[in-house]
Amino acid sequence: QVQLVESGGGLVQAGGSLRLSCEASGRVFDTSVMGWFRQVPGKEREFVARISWSGISTYNADAVKGRFTISKDSAKNTVWLQLNSLKPEDTAVYYCAAGTRSTELPGAYDYWGQGTQVTVSS
């Protein structure tokens, strides 16, 4: 069992920045990949970024490349998502996920946090 807790969401103006945190606990050693997803009501959950605990593999979705940065500290079992140059279309609930496969498919991840709301105003 792995528990994931996101934090850092909030309201920010367009062009602003925000940093999201995901703290993992439990059997974290059973996972190898951490991902960030986001979801707007009525739409499919969207891949944002992923990173391996080893740090050897990192990938961002095209929609956020150049603006968002994923990072991690394996010793702290923590993953961050730095959101820069935020746009209103970035507004969503952001979820942290953990799994064993390097994939963009949400169904492939085994554990999920409860999400943190990011709202970007114009």
PDB file of N, CA and C in Angstrom:
ATOM      1  N   GLN A   1       0.831  -1.186   0.000  1.00  0.00           N
ATOM      2  CA  GLN A   1       0.000   0.000   0.000  1.00  0.00           C
ATOM      3  C   GLN A   1       0.872   1.245   0.000  1.00  0.00           C
ATOM      4  N   VAL A   2       0.509   2.198  -0.855  1.00  0.00           N
ATOM      5  CA  VAL A   2       1.206   3.469  -0.950  1.00  0.00           C
ATOM      6  C   VAL A   2       0.188   4.587  -0.798  1.00  0.00           C
ATOM      7  N   GLN A   3       0.522   5.552   0.018  1.00  0.00           N
ATOM      8  CA  GLN A   3      -0.327   6.718   0.197  1.00  0.00           C
ATOM      9  C   GLN A   3       0.346   7.929  -0.432  1.00  0.00           C
ATOM     10  N   LEU A   4      -0.432   8.725  -1.137  1.00  0.00           N
ATOM     11  CA  LEU A   4       0.068   9.918  -1.800  1.00  0.00           C
ATOM     12  C   LEU A   4      -0.764  11.112  -1.366  1.00  0.00           C
ATOM     13  N   VAL A   5      -0.093  12.170  -0.973  1.00  0.00           N
ATOM     14  CA  VAL A   5      -0.774  13.374  -0.520  1.00  0.00           C
ATOM     15  C   VAL A   5      -0.227  14.570  -1.267  1.00  0.00           C
ATOM     16  N   GLU A   6      -1.094  15.230  -2.029  1.00  0.00           N
ATOM     17  CA  GLU A   6      -0.707  16.423  -2.768  1.00  0.00           C
ATOM     18  C   GLU A   6      -0.970  17.671  -1.933  1.00  0.00           C
ATOM     19  N   SER A   7      -0.205  18.702  -2.218  1.00  0.00           N
ATOM     20  CA  SER A   7      -0.419  19.990  -1.587  1.00  0.00           C
ATOM     21  C   SER A   7       0.158  21.075  -2.484  1.00  0.00           C
ATOM     22  N   GLY A   8      -0.162  22.315  -2.183  1.00  0.00           N
ATOM     23  CA  GLY A   8       0.404  23.433  -2.903  1.00  0.00           C
ATOM     24  C   GLY A   8      -0.511  24.100  -3.905  1.00  0.00           C
ATOM     25  N   GLY A   9      -1.687  23.537  -4.112  1.00  0.00           N
ATOM     26  CA  GLY A   9      -2.619  24.144  -5.043  1.00  0.00           C
ATOM     27  C   GLY A   9      -3.183  25.439  -4.491  1.00  0.00           C
ATOM     28  N   GLY A  10      -3.819  26.189  -5.364  1.00  0.00           N
ATOM     29  CA  GLY A  10      -4.405  27.452  -4.950  1.00  0.00           C
ATOM     30  C   GLY A  10      -4.801  28.293  -6.128  1.00  0.00           C
ATOM     31  N   LEU A  11      -5.069  29.551  -5.850  1.00  0.00           N
ATOM     32  CA  LEU A  11      -5.473  30.511  -6.872  1.00  0.00           C
ATOM     33  C   LEU A  11      -4.285  31.383  -7.242  1.00  0.00           C
ATOM     34  N   VAL A  12      -4.048  31.508  -8.533  1.00  0.00           N
ATOM     35  CA  VAL A  12      -2.936  32.314  -9.018  1.00  0.00           C
ATOM     36  C   VAL A  12      -3.357  33.032 -10.294  1.00  0.00           C
ATOM     37  N   GLN A  13      -2.794  34.195 -10.532  1.00  0.00           N
ATOM     38  CA  GLN A  13      -3.094  34.943 -11.741  1.00  0.00           C
ATOM     39  C   GLN A  13      -2.342  34.376 -12.935  1.00  0.00           C
ATOM     40  N   ALA A  14      -2.895  34.570 -14.114  1.00  0.00           N
ATOM     41  CA  ALA A  14      -2.227  34.140 -15.335  1.00  0.00           C
ATOM     42  C   ALA A  14      -0.816  34.713 -15.391  1.00  0.00           C
ATOM     43  N   GLY A  15       0.132  33.872 -15.773  1.00  0.00           N
ATOM     44  CA  GLY A  15       1.525  34.271 -15.818  1.00  0.00           C
ATOM     45  C   GLY A  15       2.271  33.991 -14.537  1.00  0.00           C
ATOM     46  N   GLY A  16       1.547  33.633 -13.500  1.00  0.00           N
ATOM     47  CA  GLY A  16       2.154  33.362 -12.216  1.00  0.00           C
ATOM     48  C   GLY A  16       2.689  31.952 -12.107  1.00  0.00           C
ATOM     49  N   SER A  17       3.175  31.624 -10.921  1.00  0.00           N
ATOM     50  CA  SER A  17       3.784  30.326 -10.671  1.00  0.00           C
ATOM     51  C   SER A  17       3.207  29.680  -9.428  1.00  0.00           C
ATOM     52  N   LEU A  18       3.352  28.379  -9.377  1.00  0.00           N
ATOM     53  CA  LEU A  18       2.877  27.596  -8.257  1.00  0.00           C
ATOM     54  C   LEU A  18       3.728  26.336  -8.188  1.00  0.00           C
ATOM     55  N   ARG A  19       3.946  25.827  -6.999  1.00  0.00           N
ATOM     56  CA  ARG A  19       4.669  24.572  -6.852  1.00  0.00           C
ATOM     57  C   ARG A  19       3.821  23.571  -6.085  1.00  0.00           C
ATOM     58  N   LEU A  20       3.581  22.444  -6.713  1.00  0.00           N
ATOM     59  CA  LEU A  20       2.814  21.375  -6.109  1.00  0.00           C
ATOM     60  C   LEU A  20       3.750  20.331  -5.530  1.00  0.00           C
ATOM     61  N   SER A  21       3.356  19.755  -4.409  1.00  0.00           N
ATOM     62  CA  SER A  21       4.143  18.716  -3.767  1.00  0.00           C
ATOM     63  C   SER A  21       3.327  17.443  -3.654  1.00  0.00           C
ATOM     64  N   CYS A  22       4.007  16.327  -3.723  1.00  0.00           N
ATOM     65  CA  CYS A  22       3.394  15.019  -3.527  1.00  0.00           C
ATOM     66  C   CYS A  22       4.286  14.227  -2.592  1.00  0.00           C
ATOM     67  N   GLU A  23       3.772  13.934  -1.417  1.00  0.00           N
ATOM     68  CA  GLU A  23       4.513  13.151  -0.443  1.00  0.00           C
ATOM     69  C   GLU A  23       3.994  11.720  -0.441  1.00  0.00           C
ATOM     70  N   ALA A  24       4.891  10.790  -0.649  1.00  0.00           N
ATOM     71  CA  ALA A  24       4.540   9.378  -0.688  1.00  0.00           C
ATOM     72  C   ALA A  24       4.947   8.695   0.610  1.00  0.00           C
ATOM     73  N   SER A  25       4.141   7.748   1.029  1.00  0.00           N
ATOM     74  CA  SER A  25       4.449   6.978   2.225  1.00  0.00           C
ATOM     75  C   SER A  25       3.964   5.548   2.030  1.00  0.00           C
ATOM     76  N   GLY A  26       4.378   4.677   2.931  1.00  0.00           N
ATOM     77  CA  GLY A  26       4.026   3.281   2.809  1.00  0.00           C
ATOM     78  C   GLY A  26       5.085   2.514   2.044  1.00  0.00           C
ATOM     79  N   ARG A  27       4.636   1.588   1.216  1.00  0.00           N
ATOM     80  CA  ARG A  27       5.554   0.739   0.463  1.00  0.00           C
ATOM     81  C   ARG A  27       6.003   1.420  -0.834  1.00  0.00           C
ATOM     82  N   VAL A  28       6.675   2.530  -0.665  1.00  0.00           N
ATOM     83  CA  VAL A  28       7.105   3.318  -1.818  1.00  0.00           C
ATOM     84  C   VAL A  28       8.093   2.545  -2.685  1.00  0.00           C
ATOM     85  N   PHE A  29       8.832   1.637  -2.059  1.00  0.00           N
ATOM     86  CA  PHE A  29       9.814   0.853  -2.806  1.00  0.00           C
ATOM     87  C   PHE A  29       9.167  -0.054  -3.844  1.00  0.00           C
ATOM     88  N   ASP A  30       7.869  -0.244  -3.743  1.00  0.00           N
ATOM     89  CA  ASP A  30       7.145  -1.050  -4.728  1.00  0.00           C
ATOM     90  C   ASP A  30       6.845  -0.268  -6.005  1.00  0.00           C
ATOM     91  N   THR A  31       7.107   1.024  -5.996  1.00  0.00           N
ATOM     92  CA  THR A  31       6.865   1.854  -7.169  1.00  0.00           C
ATOM     93  C   THR A  31       8.182   2.313  -7.765  1.00  0.00           C
ATOM     94  N   SER A  32       8.161   2.660  -9.025  1.00  0.00           N
ATOM     95  CA  SER A  32       9.363   3.118  -9.705  1.00  0.00           C
ATOM     96  C   SER A  32       9.141   4.404 -10.498  1.00  0.00           C
ATOM     97  N   VAL A  33       7.879   4.749 -10.742  1.00  0.00           N
ATOM     98  CA  VAL A  33       7.546   5.912 -11.550  1.00  0.00           C
ATOM     99  C   VAL A  33       6.507   6.760 -10.831  1.00  0.00           C
ATOM    100  N   MET A  34       6.700   8.057 -10.851  1.00  0.00           N
ATOM    101  CA  MET A  34       5.736   8.991 -10.294  1.00  0.00           C
ATOM    102  C   MET A  34       5.233   9.888 -11.417  1.00  0.00           C
ATOM    103  N   GLY A  35       3.951  10.134 -11.410  1.00  0.00           N
ATOM    104  CA  GLY A  35       3.362  10.957 -12.445  1.00  0.00           C
ATOM    105  C   GLY A  35       2.458  12.035 -11.893  1.00  0.00           C
ATOM    106  N   TRP A  36       2.283  13.066 -12.681  1.00  0.00           N
ATOM    107  CA  TRP A  36       1.308  14.113 -12.395  1.00  0.00           C
ATOM    108  C   TRP A  36       0.274  14.130 -13.508  1.00  0.00           C
ATOM    109  N   PHE A  37      -0.980  14.184 -13.120  1.00  0.00           N
ATOM    110  CA  PHE A  37      -2.096  14.271 -14.044  1.00  0.00           C
ATOM    111  C   PHE A  37      -2.984  15.425 -13.620  1.00  0.00           C
ATOM    112  N   ARG A  38      -3.862  15.839 -14.514  1.00  0.00           N
ATOM    113  CA  ARG A  38      -4.829  16.867 -14.164  1.00  0.00           C
ATOM    114  C   ARG A  38      -6.162  16.545 -14.814  1.00  0.00           C
ATOM    115  N   GLN A  39      -7.230  17.056 -14.203  1.00  0.00           N
ATOM    116  CA  GLN A  39      -8.553  16.753 -14.703  1.00  0.00           C
ATOM    117  C   GLN A  39      -9.501  17.915 -14.477  1.00  0.00           C
ATOM    118  N   VAL A  40     -10.250  18.225 -15.511  1.00  0.00           N
ATOM    119  CA  VAL A  40     -11.309  19.228 -15.462  1.00  0.00           C
ATOM    120  C   VAL A  40     -12.631  18.475 -15.429  1.00  0.00           C
ATOM    121  N   PRO A  41     -13.603  18.924 -14.655  1.00  0.00           N
ATOM    122  CA  PRO A  41     -14.889  18.232 -14.617  1.00  0.00           C
ATOM    123  C   PRO A  41     -15.460  17.995 -16.002  1.00  0.00           C
ATOM    124  N   GLY A  42     -15.892  16.759 -16.254  1.00  0.00           N
ATOM    125  CA  GLY A  42     -16.471  16.412 -17.534  1.00  0.00           C
ATOM    126  C   GLY A  42     -15.474  15.987 -18.591  1.00  0.00           C
ATOM    127  N   LYS A  43     -14.181  16.038 -18.276  1.00  0.00           N
ATOM    128  CA  LYS A  43     -13.163  15.655 -19.240  1.00  0.00           C
ATOM    129  C   LYS A  43     -12.301  14.518 -18.702  1.00  0.00           C
ATOM    130  N   GLU A  44     -11.588  13.879 -19.619  1.00  0.00           N
ATOM    131  CA  GLU A  44     -10.705  12.784 -19.245  1.00  0.00           C
ATOM    132  C   GLU A  44      -9.514  13.306 -18.460  1.00  0.00           C
ATOM    133  N   ARG A  45      -9.004  12.454 -17.595  1.00  0.00           N
ATOM    134  CA  ARG A  45      -7.799  12.799 -16.861  1.00  0.00           C
ATOM    135  C   ARG A  45      -6.638  12.902 -17.845  1.00  0.00           C
ATOM    136  N   GLU A  46      -5.854  13.960 -17.723  1.00  0.00           N
ATOM    137  CA  GLU A  46      -4.808  14.286 -18.680  1.00  0.00           C
ATOM    138  C   GLU A  46      -3.423  14.139 -18.070  1.00  0.00           C
ATOM    139  N   PHE A  47      -2.552  13.472 -18.783  1.00  0.00           N
ATOM    140  CA  PHE A  47      -1.164  13.332 -18.358  1.00  0.00           C
ATOM    141  C   PHE A  47      -0.454  14.673 -18.410  1.00  0.00           C
ATOM    142  N   VAL A  48       0.357  14.941 -17.399  1.00  0.00           N
ATOM    143  CA  VAL A  48       1.120  16.177 -17.329  1.00  0.00           C
ATOM    144  C   VAL A  48       2.622  15.913 -17.374  1.00  0.00           C
ATOM    145  N   ALA A  49       3.099  15.055 -16.495  1.00  0.00           N
ATOM    146  CA  ALA A  49       4.532  14.780 -16.421  1.00  0.00           C
ATOM    147  C   ALA A  49       4.769  13.504 -15.626  1.00  0.00           C
ATOM    148  N   ARG A  50       5.926  12.909 -15.823  1.00  0.00           N
ATOM    149  CA  ARG A  50       6.311  11.749 -15.041  1.00  0.00           C
ATOM    150  C   ARG A  50       7.808  11.754 -14.818  1.00  0.00           C
ATOM    151  N   ILE A  51       8.224  11.046 -13.790  1.00  0.00           N
ATOM    152  CA  ILE A  51       9.630  10.938 -13.452  1.00  0.00           C
ATOM    153  C   ILE A  51       9.865   9.620 -12.734  1.00  0.00           C
ATOM    154  N   SER A  52      11.005   9.002 -12.993  1.00  0.00           N
ATOM    155  CA  SER A  52      11.356   7.787 -12.281  1.00  0.00           C
ATOM    156  C   SER A  52      12.027   8.152 -10.971  1.00  0.00           C
ATOM    157  N   TRP A  53      11.863   7.303  -9.971  1.00  0.00           N
ATOM    158  CA  TRP A  53      12.516   7.556  -8.692  1.00  0.00           C
ATOM    159  C   TRP A  53      14.026   7.617  -8.845  1.00  0.00           C
ATOM    160  N   SER A  54      14.545   6.879  -9.810  1.00  0.00           N
ATOM    161  CA  SER A  54      15.982   6.890 -10.063  1.00  0.00           C
ATOM    162  C   SER A  54      16.440   8.206 -10.672  1.00  0.00           C
ATOM    163  N   GLY A  55      15.511   8.945 -11.261  1.00  0.00           N
ATOM    164  CA  GLY A  55      15.844  10.195 -11.922  1.00  0.00           C
ATOM    165  C   GLY A  55      16.352  10.035 -13.332  1.00  0.00           C
ATOM    166  N   ILE A  56      16.423   8.816 -13.802  1.00  0.00           N
ATOM    167  CA  ILE A  56      16.981   8.561 -15.119  1.00  0.00           C
ATOM    168  C   ILE A  56      16.005   8.901 -16.237  1.00  0.00           C
ATOM    169  N   SER A  57      14.724   8.955 -15.924  1.00  0.00           N
ATOM    170  CA  SER A  57      13.713   9.210 -16.938  1.00  0.00           C
ATOM    171  C   SER A  57      12.760  10.309 -16.485  1.00  0.00           C
ATOM    172  N   THR A  58      12.614  11.323 -17.319  1.00  0.00           N
ATOM    173  CA  THR A  58      11.703  12.434 -17.069  1.00  0.00           C
ATOM    174  C   THR A  58      11.020  12.807 -18.375  1.00  0.00           C
ATOM    175  N   TYR A  59       9.723  13.093 -18.305  1.00  0.00           N
ATOM    176  CA  TYR A  59       8.998  13.447 -19.513  1.00  0.00           C
ATOM    177  C   TYR A  59       7.823  14.342 -19.176  1.00  0.00           C
ATOM    178  N   ASN A  60       7.638  15.385 -19.979  1.00  0.00           N
ATOM    179  CA  ASN A  60       6.519  16.314 -19.822  1.00  0.00           C
ATOM    180  C   ASN A  60       5.610  16.250 -21.035  1.00  0.00           C
ATOM    181  N   ALA A  61       4.332  16.451 -20.811  1.00  0.00           N
ATOM    182  CA  ALA A  61       3.381  16.519 -21.906  1.00  0.00           C
ATOM    183  C   ALA A  61       3.664  17.751 -22.761  1.00  0.00           C
ATOM    184  N   ASP A  62       3.316  17.665 -24.042  1.00  0.00           N
ATOM    185  CA  ASP A  62       3.564  18.776 -24.951  1.00  0.00           C
ATOM    186  C   ASP A  62       2.905  20.072 -24.483  1.00  0.00           C
ATOM    187  N   ALA A  63       1.737  19.964 -23.888  1.00  0.00           N
ATOM    188  CA  ALA A  63       0.994  21.136 -23.470  1.00  0.00           C
ATOM    189  C   ALA A  63       1.695  21.945 -22.382  1.00  0.00           C
ATOM    190  N   VAL A  64       2.622  21.317 -21.673  1.00  0.00           N
ATOM    191  CA  VAL A  64       3.270  22.002 -20.560  1.00  0.00           C
ATOM    192  C   VAL A  64       4.778  22.112 -20.713  1.00  0.00           C
ATOM    193  N   LYS A  65       5.328  21.574 -21.782  1.00  0.00           N
ATOM    194  CA  LYS A  65       6.769  21.647 -21.994  1.00  0.00           C
ATOM    195  C   LYS A  65       7.229  23.099 -22.048  1.00  0.00           C
ATOM    196  N   GLY A  66       8.305  23.372 -21.335  1.00  0.00           N
ATOM    197  CA  GLY A  66       8.828  24.721 -21.277  1.00  0.00           C
ATOM    198  C   GLY A  66       8.217  25.551 -20.172  1.00  0.00           C
ATOM    199  N   ARG A  67       7.156  25.057 -19.546  1.00  0.00           N
ATOM    200  CA  ARG A  67       6.493  25.798 -18.473  1.00  0.00           C
ATOM    201  C   ARG A  67       6.482  25.041 -17.150  1.00  0.00           C
ATOM    202  N   PHE A  68       6.280  23.736 -17.214  1.00  0.00           N
ATOM    203  CA  PHE A  68       6.221  22.927 -16.000  1.00  0.00           C
ATOM    204  C   PHE A  68       7.486  22.091 -15.866  1.00  0.00           C
ATOM    205  N   THR A  69       7.894  21.845 -14.637  1.00  0.00           N
ATOM    206  CA  THR A  69       9.068  21.035 -14.369  1.00  0.00           C
ATOM    207  C   THR A  69       8.767  20.059 -13.246  1.00  0.00           C
ATOM    208  N   ILE A  70       9.031  18.791 -13.489  1.00  0.00           N
ATOM    209  CA  ILE A  70       8.847  17.777 -12.464  1.00  0.00           C
ATOM    210  C   ILE A  70      10.205  17.454 -11.855  1.00  0.00           C
ATOM    211  N   SER A  71      10.223  17.249 -10.567  1.00  0.00           N
ATOM    212  CA  SER A  71      11.450  16.911  -9.870  1.00  0.00           C
ATOM    213  C   SER A  71      11.118  16.003  -8.693  1.00  0.00           C
ATOM    214  N   LYS A  72      12.144  15.420  -8.109  1.00  0.00           N
ATOM    215  CA  LYS A  72      11.911  14.506  -6.999  1.00  0.00           C
ATOM    216  C   LYS A  72      13.094  14.462  -6.047  1.00  0.00           C
ATOM    217  N   ASP A  73      12.819  13.993  -4.858  1.00  0.00           N
ATOM    218  CA  ASP A  73      13.843  13.698  -3.869  1.00  0.00           C
ATOM    219  C   ASP A  73      13.503  12.324  -3.333  1.00  0.00           C
ATOM    220  N   SER A  74      14.208  11.321  -3.824  1.00  0.00           N
ATOM    221  CA  SER A  74      13.904   9.949  -3.449  1.00  0.00           C
ATOM    222  C   SER A  74      14.079   9.703  -1.953  1.00  0.00           C
ATOM    223  N   ALA A  75      15.059  10.358  -1.356  1.00  0.00           N
ATOM    224  CA  ALA A  75      15.307  10.188   0.071  1.00  0.00           C
ATOM    225  C   ALA A  75      14.132  10.677   0.906  1.00  0.00           C
ATOM    226  N   LYS A  76      13.402  11.656   0.392  1.00  0.00           N
ATOM    227  CA  LYS A  76      12.249  12.212   1.094  1.00  0.00           C
ATOM    228  C   LYS A  76      10.925  11.656   0.588  1.00  0.00           C
ATOM    229  N   ASN A  77      10.995  10.781  -0.420  1.00  0.00           N
ATOM    230  CA  ASN A  77       9.785  10.227  -1.041  1.00  0.00           C
ATOM    231  C   ASN A  77       8.835  11.344  -1.468  1.00  0.00           C
ATOM    232  N   THR A  78       9.402  12.360  -2.068  1.00  0.00           N
ATOM    233  CA  THR A  78       8.633  13.534  -2.451  1.00  0.00           C
ATOM    234  C   THR A  78       8.869  13.886  -3.911  1.00  0.00           C
ATOM    235  N   VAL A  79       7.797  14.254  -4.585  1.00  0.00           N
ATOM    236  CA  VAL A  79       7.848  14.707  -5.970  1.00  0.00           C
ATOM    237  C   VAL A  79       7.204  16.080  -6.039  1.00  0.00           C
ATOM    238  N   TRP A  80       7.789  16.971  -6.813  1.00  0.00           N
ATOM    239  CA  TRP A  80       7.258  18.319  -6.992  1.00  0.00           C
ATOM    240  C   TRP A  80       6.906  18.555  -8.450  1.00  0.00           C
ATOM    241  N   LEU A  81       5.979  19.443  -8.650  1.00  0.00           N
ATOM    242  CA  LEU A  81       5.656  19.930  -9.978  1.00  0.00           C
ATOM    243  C   LEU A  81       5.670  21.452  -9.918  1.00  0.00           C
ATOM    244  N   GLN A  82       6.656  22.050 -10.561  1.00  0.00           N
ATOM    245  CA  GLN A  82       6.760  23.503 -10.631  1.00  0.00           C
ATOM    246  C   GLN A  82       5.973  23.984 -11.836  1.00  0.00           C
ATOM    247  N   LEU A  83       4.983  24.818 -11.592  1.00  0.00           N
ATOM    248  CA  LEU A  83       4.126  25.342 -12.648  1.00  0.00           C
ATOM    249  C   LEU A  83       4.460  26.814 -12.864  1.00  0.00           C
ATOM    250  N   ASN A  84       5.019  27.132 -14.006  1.00  0.00           N
ATOM    251  CA  ASN A  84       5.365  28.501 -14.355  1.00  0.00           C
ATOM    252  C   ASN A  84       4.546  28.969 -15.546  1.00  0.00           C
ATOM    253  N   SER A  85       4.485  30.281 -15.719  1.00  0.00           N
ATOM    254  CA  SER A  85       3.758  30.880 -16.839  1.00  0.00           C
ATOM    255  C   SER A  85       2.363  30.284 -16.970  1.00  0.00           C
ATOM    256  N   LEU A  86       1.666  30.234 -15.869  1.00  0.00           N
ATOM    257  CA  LEU A  86       0.368  29.586 -15.837  1.00  0.00           C
ATOM    258  C   LEU A  86      -0.660  30.303 -16.704  1.00  0.00           C
ATOM    259  N   LYS A  87      -1.509  29.505 -17.317  1.00  0.00           N
ATOM    260  CA  LYS A  87      -2.577  29.987 -18.173  1.00  0.00           C
ATOM    261  C   LYS A  87      -3.916  29.551 -17.601  1.00  0.00           C
ATOM    262  N   PRO A  88      -4.990  30.270 -17.928  1.00  0.00           N
ATOM    263  CA  PRO A  88      -6.307  29.862 -17.434  1.00  0.00           C
ATOM    264  C   PRO A  88      -6.655  28.417 -17.789  1.00  0.00           C
ATOM    265  N   GLU A  89      -6.202  27.933 -18.936  1.00  0.00           N
ATOM    266  CA  GLU A  89      -6.490  26.566 -19.340  1.00  0.00           C
ATOM    267  C   GLU A  89      -5.750  25.526 -18.511  1.00  0.00           C
ATOM    268  N   ASP A  90      -4.831  25.964 -17.662  1.00  0.00           N
ATOM    269  CA  ASP A  90      -4.166  25.052 -16.744  1.00  0.00           C
ATOM    270  C   ASP A  90      -5.018  24.758 -15.519  1.00  0.00           C
ATOM    271  N   THR A  91      -6.112  25.472 -15.372  1.00  0.00           N
ATOM    272  CA  THR A  91      -7.007  25.259 -14.239  1.00  0.00           C
ATOM    273  C   THR A  91      -7.533  23.829 -14.243  1.00  0.00           C
ATOM    274  N   ALA A  92      -7.341  23.135 -13.139  1.00  0.00           N
ATOM    275  CA  ALA A  92      -7.755  21.744 -13.030  1.00  0.00           C
ATOM    276  C   ALA A  92      -7.435  21.240 -11.634  1.00  0.00           C
ATOM    277  N   VAL A  93      -7.917  20.049 -11.339  1.00  0.00           N
ATOM    278  CA  VAL A  93      -7.462  19.337 -10.161  1.00  0.00           C
ATOM    279  C   VAL A  93      -6.237  18.541 -10.573  1.00  0.00           C
ATOM    280  N   TYR A  94      -5.155  18.720  -9.865  1.00  0.00           N
ATOM    281  CA  TYR A  94      -3.906  18.040 -10.181  1.00  0.00           C
ATOM    282  C   TYR A  94      -3.716  16.861  -9.245  1.00  0.00           C
ATOM    283  N   TYR A  95      -3.428  15.699  -9.834  1.00  0.00           N
ATOM    284  CA  TYR A  95      -3.280  14.461  -9.094  1.00  0.00           C
ATOM    285  C   TYR A  95      -1.873  13.911  -9.210  1.00  0.00           C
ATOM    286  N   CYS A  96      -1.391  13.382  -8.122  1.00  0.00           N
ATOM    287  CA  CYS A  96      -0.134  12.656  -8.087  1.00  0.00           C
ATOM    288  C   CYS A  96      -0.436  11.170  -8.197  1.00  0.00           C
ATOM    289  N   ALA A  97       0.391  10.441  -8.922  1.00  0.00           N
ATOM    290  CA  ALA A  97       0.192   9.013  -9.104  1.00  0.00           C
ATOM    291  C   ALA A  97       1.519   8.273  -9.016  1.00  0.00           C
ATOM    292  N   ALA A  98       1.447   7.002  -8.655  1.00  0.00           N
ATOM    293  CA  ALA A  98       2.633   6.160  -8.546  1.00  0.00           C
ATOM    294  C   ALA A  98       2.374   4.818  -9.207  1.00  0.00           C
ATOM    295  N   GLY A  99       3.390   4.277  -9.834  1.00  0.00           N
ATOM    296  CA  GLY A  99       3.248   2.994 -10.485  1.00  0.00           C
ATOM    297  C   GLY A  99       4.579   2.386 -10.820  1.00  0.00           C
ATOM    298  N   THR A 100       4.543   1.416 -11.709  1.00  0.00           N
ATOM    299  CA  THR A 100       5.738   0.689 -12.099  1.00  0.00           C
ATOM    300  C   THR A 100       6.039   0.793 -13.583  1.00  0.00           C
ATOM    301  N   ARG A 101       5.200   1.532 -14.322  1.00  0.00           N
ATOM    302  CA  ARG A 101       5.390   1.659 -15.756  1.00  0.00           C
ATOM    303  C   ARG A 101       5.517   3.111 -16.170  1.00  0.00           C
ATOM    304  N   SER A 102       6.443   3.382 -17.072  1.00  0.00           N
ATOM    305  CA  SER A 102       6.631   4.725 -17.603  1.00  0.00           C
ATOM    306  C   SER A 102       5.645   4.930 -18.746  1.00  0.00           C
ATOM    307  N   THR A 103       4.486   5.466 -18.390  1.00  0.00           N
ATOM    308  CA  THR A 103       3.420   5.607 -19.355  1.00  0.00           C
ATOM    309  C   THR A 103       2.630   6.882 -19.105  1.00  0.00           C
ATOM    310  N   GLU A 104       1.892   7.319 -20.127  1.00  0.00           N
ATOM    311  CA  GLU A 104       1.022   8.479 -20.028  1.00  0.00           C
ATOM    312  C   GLU A 104      -0.420   8.079 -19.730  1.00  0.00           C
ATOM    313  N   LEU A 105      -0.678   6.797 -19.651  1.00  0.00           N
ATOM    314  CA  LEU A 105      -2.036   6.305 -19.432  1.00  0.00           C
ATOM    315  C   LEU A 105      -2.358   6.263 -17.945  1.00  0.00           C
ATOM    316  N   PRO A 106      -3.381   6.999 -17.523  1.00  0.00           N
ATOM    317  CA  PRO A 106      -3.706   7.015 -16.093  1.00  0.00           C
ATOM    318  C   PRO A 106      -4.074   5.643 -15.545  1.00  0.00           C
ATOM    319  N   GLY A 107      -4.695   4.795 -16.377  1.00  0.00           N
ATOM    320  CA  GLY A 107      -5.101   3.478 -15.922  1.00  0.00           C
ATOM    321  C   GLY A 107      -3.947   2.564 -15.581  1.00  0.00           C
ATOM    322  N   ALA A 108      -2.750   2.909 -15.999  1.00  0.00           N
ATOM    323  CA  ALA A 108      -1.586   2.080 -15.733  1.00  0.00           C
ATOM    324  C   ALA A 108      -0.956   2.364 -14.377  1.00  0.00           C
ATOM    325  N   TYR A 109      -1.367   3.426 -13.729  1.00  0.00           N
ATOM    326  CA  TYR A 109      -0.815   3.766 -12.421  1.00  0.00           C
ATOM    327  C   TYR A 109      -1.598   3.087 -11.310  1.00  0.00           C
ATOM    328  N   ASP A 110      -0.894   2.726 -10.270  1.00  0.00           N
ATOM    329  CA  ASP A 110      -1.464   1.897  -9.219  1.00  0.00           C
ATOM    330  C   ASP A 110      -2.006   2.675  -8.026  1.00  0.00           C
ATOM    331  N   TYR A 111      -1.446   3.829  -7.756  1.00  0.00           N
ATOM    332  CA  TYR A 111      -1.832   4.605  -6.585  1.00  0.00           C
ATOM    333  C   TYR A 111      -2.055   6.056  -6.962  1.00  0.00           C
ATOM    334  N   TRP A 112      -3.008   6.675  -6.279  1.00  0.00           N
ATOM    335  CA  TRP A 112      -3.379   8.056  -6.574  1.00  0.00           C
ATOM    336  C   TRP A 112      -3.601   8.860  -5.309  1.00  0.00           C
ATOM    337  N   GLY A 113      -3.237  10.130  -5.369  1.00  0.00           N
ATOM    338  CA  GLY A 113      -3.592  11.044  -4.310  1.00  0.00           C
ATOM    339  C   GLY A 113      -5.003  11.552  -4.526  1.00  0.00           C
ATOM    340  N   GLN A 114      -5.484  12.363  -3.609  1.00  0.00           N
ATOM    341  CA  GLN A 114      -6.845  12.870  -3.718  1.00  0.00           C
ATOM    342  C   GLN A 114      -6.943  14.146  -4.536  1.00  0.00           C
ATOM    343  N   GLY A 115      -5.823  14.708  -4.908  1.00  0.00           N
ATOM    344  CA  GLY A 115      -5.812  15.863  -5.786  1.00  0.00           C
ATOM    345  C   GLY A 115      -5.721  17.187  -5.059  1.00  0.00           C
ATOM    346  N   THR A 116      -5.223  18.178  -5.771  1.00  0.00           N
ATOM    347  CA  THR A 116      -5.158  19.537  -5.259  1.00  0.00           C
ATOM    348  C   THR A 116      -5.599  20.488  -6.366  1.00  0.00           C
ATOM    349  N   GLN A 117      -6.449  21.430  -6.022  1.00  0.00           N
ATOM    350  CA  GLN A 117      -7.039  22.325  -7.007  1.00  0.00           C
ATOM    351  C   GLN A 117      -6.087  23.447  -7.375  1.00  0.00           C
ATOM    352  N   VAL A 118      -5.904  23.647  -8.677  1.00  0.00           N
ATOM    353  CA  VAL A 118      -5.151  24.776  -9.204  1.00  0.00           C
ATOM    354  C   VAL A 118      -6.106  25.613 -10.036  1.00  0.00           C
ATOM    355  N   THR A 119      -6.239  26.869  -9.681  1.00  0.00           N
ATOM    356  CA  THR A 119      -7.119  27.774 -10.406  1.00  0.00           C
ATOM    357  C   THR A 119      -6.313  28.971 -10.883  1.00  0.00           C
ATOM    358  N   VAL A 120      -6.348  29.215 -12.183  1.00  0.00           N
ATOM    359  CA  VAL A 120      -5.606  30.309 -12.786  1.00  0.00           C
ATOM    360  C   VAL A 120      -6.602  31.332 -13.309  1.00  0.00           C
ATOM    361  N   SER A 121      -6.542  32.518 -12.780  1.00  0.00           N
ATOM    362  CA  SER A 121      -7.442  33.582 -13.196  1.00  0.00           C
ATOM    363  C   SER A 121      -6.802  34.413 -14.293  1.00  0.00           C
ATOM    364  N   SER A 122      -7.646  35.079 -15.075  1.00  0.00           N
ATOM    365  CA  SER A 122      -7.163  35.923 -16.159  1.00  0.00           C
ATOM    366  C   SER A 122      -6.888  37.335 -15.692  1.00  0.00           C
TER     367      SER A 122
END
